[in-house]
Amino acid sequence: MMLGFLLWAGTSWAITQEDGVYQIKTSADFKAFADMINNGQTEINAVLTADIDFTGS
């Protein structure tokens, strides 16, 4: 398993990759992936691996 790291606004999140696909498990993972897309990384892929509750996010 490979790990991709993203730094954003002074906060670092570890979002895991499996076979080149980002694994979205939490709202933080979702936000990190969205930031990567919004910053121009449009050729990346992800899969949602859990139900995410954005209440309080």
N, C-alpha and C. Protein backbone atom coordinates (compact mmCIF):
# COMPACT_ATOMS: atom_id res chain seq x y z
N MET A 1 0.85 -1.17 0.00
CA MET A 1 0.00 0.00 0.00
C MET A 1 0.89 1.24 0.00
N MET A 2 0.50 2.23 -0.79
CA MET A 2 1.25 3.48 -0.86
C MET A 2 0.46 4.57 -0.13
N LEU A 3 1.16 5.54 0.40
CA LEU A 3 0.51 6.67 1.05
C LEU A 3 0.80 7.94 0.27
N GLY A 4 -0.23 8.72 0.06
CA GLY A 4 -0.07 10.05 -0.52
C GLY A 4 -0.28 11.05 0.59
N PHE A 5 0.49 12.10 0.63
CA PHE A 5 0.36 13.11 1.68
C PHE A 5 0.01 14.44 1.05
N LEU A 6 -0.87 15.17 1.72
CA LEU A 6 -1.30 16.47 1.25
C LEU A 6 -1.14 17.47 2.38
N LEU A 7 -0.53 18.60 2.07
CA LEU A 7 -0.44 19.70 3.04
C LEU A 7 -1.40 20.78 2.59
N TRP A 8 -2.24 21.23 3.52
CA TRP A 8 -3.22 22.26 3.19
C TRP A 8 -3.47 23.12 4.40
N ALA A 9 -3.30 24.40 4.27
CA ALA A 9 -3.54 25.37 5.33
C ALA A 9 -2.84 24.99 6.64
N GLY A 10 -1.62 24.48 6.52
CA GLY A 10 -0.86 24.15 7.71
C GLY A 10 -1.26 22.83 8.36
N THR A 11 -2.20 22.12 7.76
CA THR A 11 -2.65 20.84 8.30
C THR A 11 -2.23 19.75 7.34
N SER A 12 -1.78 18.63 7.86
CA SER A 12 -1.44 17.52 6.96
C SER A 12 -2.40 16.36 7.20
N TRP A 13 -2.84 15.79 6.12
CA TRP A 13 -3.68 14.60 6.17
C TRP A 13 -2.97 13.50 5.41
N ALA A 14 -3.15 12.31 5.87
CA ALA A 14 -2.65 11.17 5.12
C ALA A 14 -3.86 10.52 4.48
N ILE A 15 -3.89 10.51 3.18
CA ILE A 15 -4.95 9.83 2.45
C ILE A 15 -4.29 8.65 1.76
N THR A 16 -4.80 7.47 2.01
CA THR A 16 -4.13 6.28 1.50
C THR A 16 -4.51 6.02 0.05
N GLN A 17 -3.59 5.36 -0.62
CA GLN A 17 -3.79 4.94 -2.00
C GLN A 17 -3.63 3.43 -2.05
N GLU A 18 -4.44 2.81 -2.85
CA GLU A 18 -4.31 1.37 -3.09
C GLU A 18 -4.39 1.16 -4.59
N ASP A 19 -3.35 0.60 -5.17
CA ASP A 19 -3.26 0.41 -6.62
C ASP A 19 -3.50 1.71 -7.37
N GLY A 20 -2.99 2.83 -6.83
CA GLY A 20 -3.10 4.11 -7.49
C GLY A 20 -4.44 4.81 -7.34
N VAL A 21 -5.32 4.28 -6.51
CA VAL A 21 -6.64 4.86 -6.29
C VAL A 21 -6.72 5.32 -4.84
N TYR A 22 -7.06 6.60 -4.64
CA TYR A 22 -7.19 7.13 -3.29
C TYR A 22 -8.39 6.50 -2.61
N GLN A 23 -8.22 6.14 -1.34
CA GLN A 23 -9.26 5.51 -0.54
C GLN A 23 -9.88 6.55 0.37
N ILE A 24 -11.13 6.93 0.12
CA ILE A 24 -11.78 7.98 0.91
C ILE A 24 -12.63 7.31 1.98
N LYS A 25 -12.18 7.51 3.25
CA LYS A 25 -12.84 6.89 4.40
C LYS A 25 -13.48 7.90 5.34
N THR A 26 -12.99 9.14 5.31
CA THR A 26 -13.43 10.15 6.27
C THR A 26 -13.73 11.46 5.54
N SER A 27 -14.37 12.38 6.26
CA SER A 27 -14.63 13.69 5.66
C SER A 27 -13.31 14.41 5.37
N ALA A 28 -12.29 14.20 6.19
CA ALA A 28 -10.98 14.81 5.94
C ALA A 28 -10.37 14.26 4.65
N ASP A 29 -10.51 12.96 4.41
CA ASP A 29 -10.03 12.36 3.16
C ASP A 29 -10.76 12.98 1.97
N PHE A 30 -12.08 13.12 2.10
CA PHE A 30 -12.89 13.68 1.03
C PHE A 30 -12.46 15.11 0.71
N LYS A 31 -12.28 15.89 1.75
CA LYS A 31 -11.85 17.28 1.56
C LYS A 31 -10.46 17.34 0.94
N ALA A 32 -9.55 16.49 1.39
CA ALA A 32 -8.20 16.46 0.85
C ALA A 32 -8.22 16.10 -0.63
N PHE A 33 -9.04 15.10 -0.99
CA PHE A 33 -9.14 14.71 -2.39
C PHE A 33 -9.74 15.84 -3.22
N ALA A 34 -10.79 16.49 -2.72
CA ALA A 34 -11.40 17.61 -3.42
C ALA A 34 -10.39 18.72 -3.64
N ASP A 35 -9.56 18.98 -2.64
CA ASP A 35 -8.53 20.02 -2.78
C ASP A 35 -7.53 19.65 -3.87
N MET A 36 -7.15 18.38 -3.95
CA MET A 36 -6.23 17.95 -4.99
C MET A 36 -6.84 18.20 -6.37
N ILE A 37 -8.11 17.83 -6.53
CA ILE A 37 -8.81 18.05 -7.81
C ILE A 37 -8.87 19.55 -8.12
N ASN A 38 -9.29 20.34 -7.13
CA ASN A 38 -9.42 21.79 -7.34
C ASN A 38 -8.09 22.47 -7.60
N ASN A 39 -6.98 21.84 -7.21
CA ASN A 39 -5.65 22.40 -7.46
C ASN A 39 -5.03 21.85 -8.74
N GLY A 40 -5.85 21.20 -9.58
CA GLY A 40 -5.38 20.82 -10.91
C GLY A 40 -5.02 19.37 -11.11
N GLN A 41 -5.08 18.54 -10.09
CA GLN A 41 -4.75 17.13 -10.26
C GLN A 41 -5.99 16.38 -10.75
N THR A 42 -6.34 16.59 -12.00
CA THR A 42 -7.62 16.07 -12.52
C THR A 42 -7.53 14.65 -13.07
N GLU A 43 -6.37 14.06 -13.06
CA GLU A 43 -6.20 12.71 -13.58
C GLU A 43 -6.14 11.65 -12.48
N ILE A 44 -6.50 12.01 -11.25
CA ILE A 44 -6.45 11.08 -10.13
C ILE A 44 -7.82 10.43 -9.93
N ASN A 45 -7.84 9.28 -9.26
CA ASN A 45 -9.07 8.53 -9.02
C ASN A 45 -9.21 8.22 -7.54
N ALA A 46 -10.47 8.02 -7.14
CA ALA A 46 -10.75 7.69 -5.74
C ALA A 46 -11.94 6.75 -5.66
N VAL A 47 -12.03 6.08 -4.53
CA VAL A 47 -13.18 5.25 -4.23
C VAL A 47 -13.62 5.57 -2.80
N LEU A 48 -14.93 5.65 -2.61
CA LEU A 48 -15.50 5.88 -1.29
C LEU A 48 -15.59 4.53 -0.59
N THR A 49 -14.91 4.39 0.56
CA THR A 49 -14.84 3.10 1.23
C THR A 49 -15.67 3.03 2.50
N ALA A 50 -16.35 4.13 2.84
CA ALA A 50 -17.18 4.17 4.05
C ALA A 50 -18.23 5.26 3.88
N ASP A 51 -19.31 5.13 4.63
CA ASP A 51 -20.29 6.21 4.69
C ASP A 51 -19.65 7.37 5.43
N ILE A 52 -19.81 8.58 4.93
CA ILE A 52 -19.20 9.75 5.53
C ILE A 52 -20.30 10.65 6.06
N ASP A 53 -20.19 11.04 7.32
CA ASP A 53 -21.11 11.96 7.95
C ASP A 53 -20.44 13.33 8.02
N PHE A 54 -20.98 14.30 7.30
CA PHE A 54 -20.39 15.64 7.28
C PHE A 54 -21.00 16.54 8.35
N THR A 55 -21.81 15.99 9.22
CA THR A 55 -22.38 16.78 10.30
C THR A 55 -21.25 17.30 11.18
N GLY A 56 -21.22 18.59 11.37
CA GLY A 56 -20.17 19.18 12.21
C GLY A 56 -18.86 19.38 11.51
N SER A 57 -18.79 19.08 10.22
CA SER A 57 -17.52 19.26 9.49
C SER A 57 -17.33 20.67 9.05
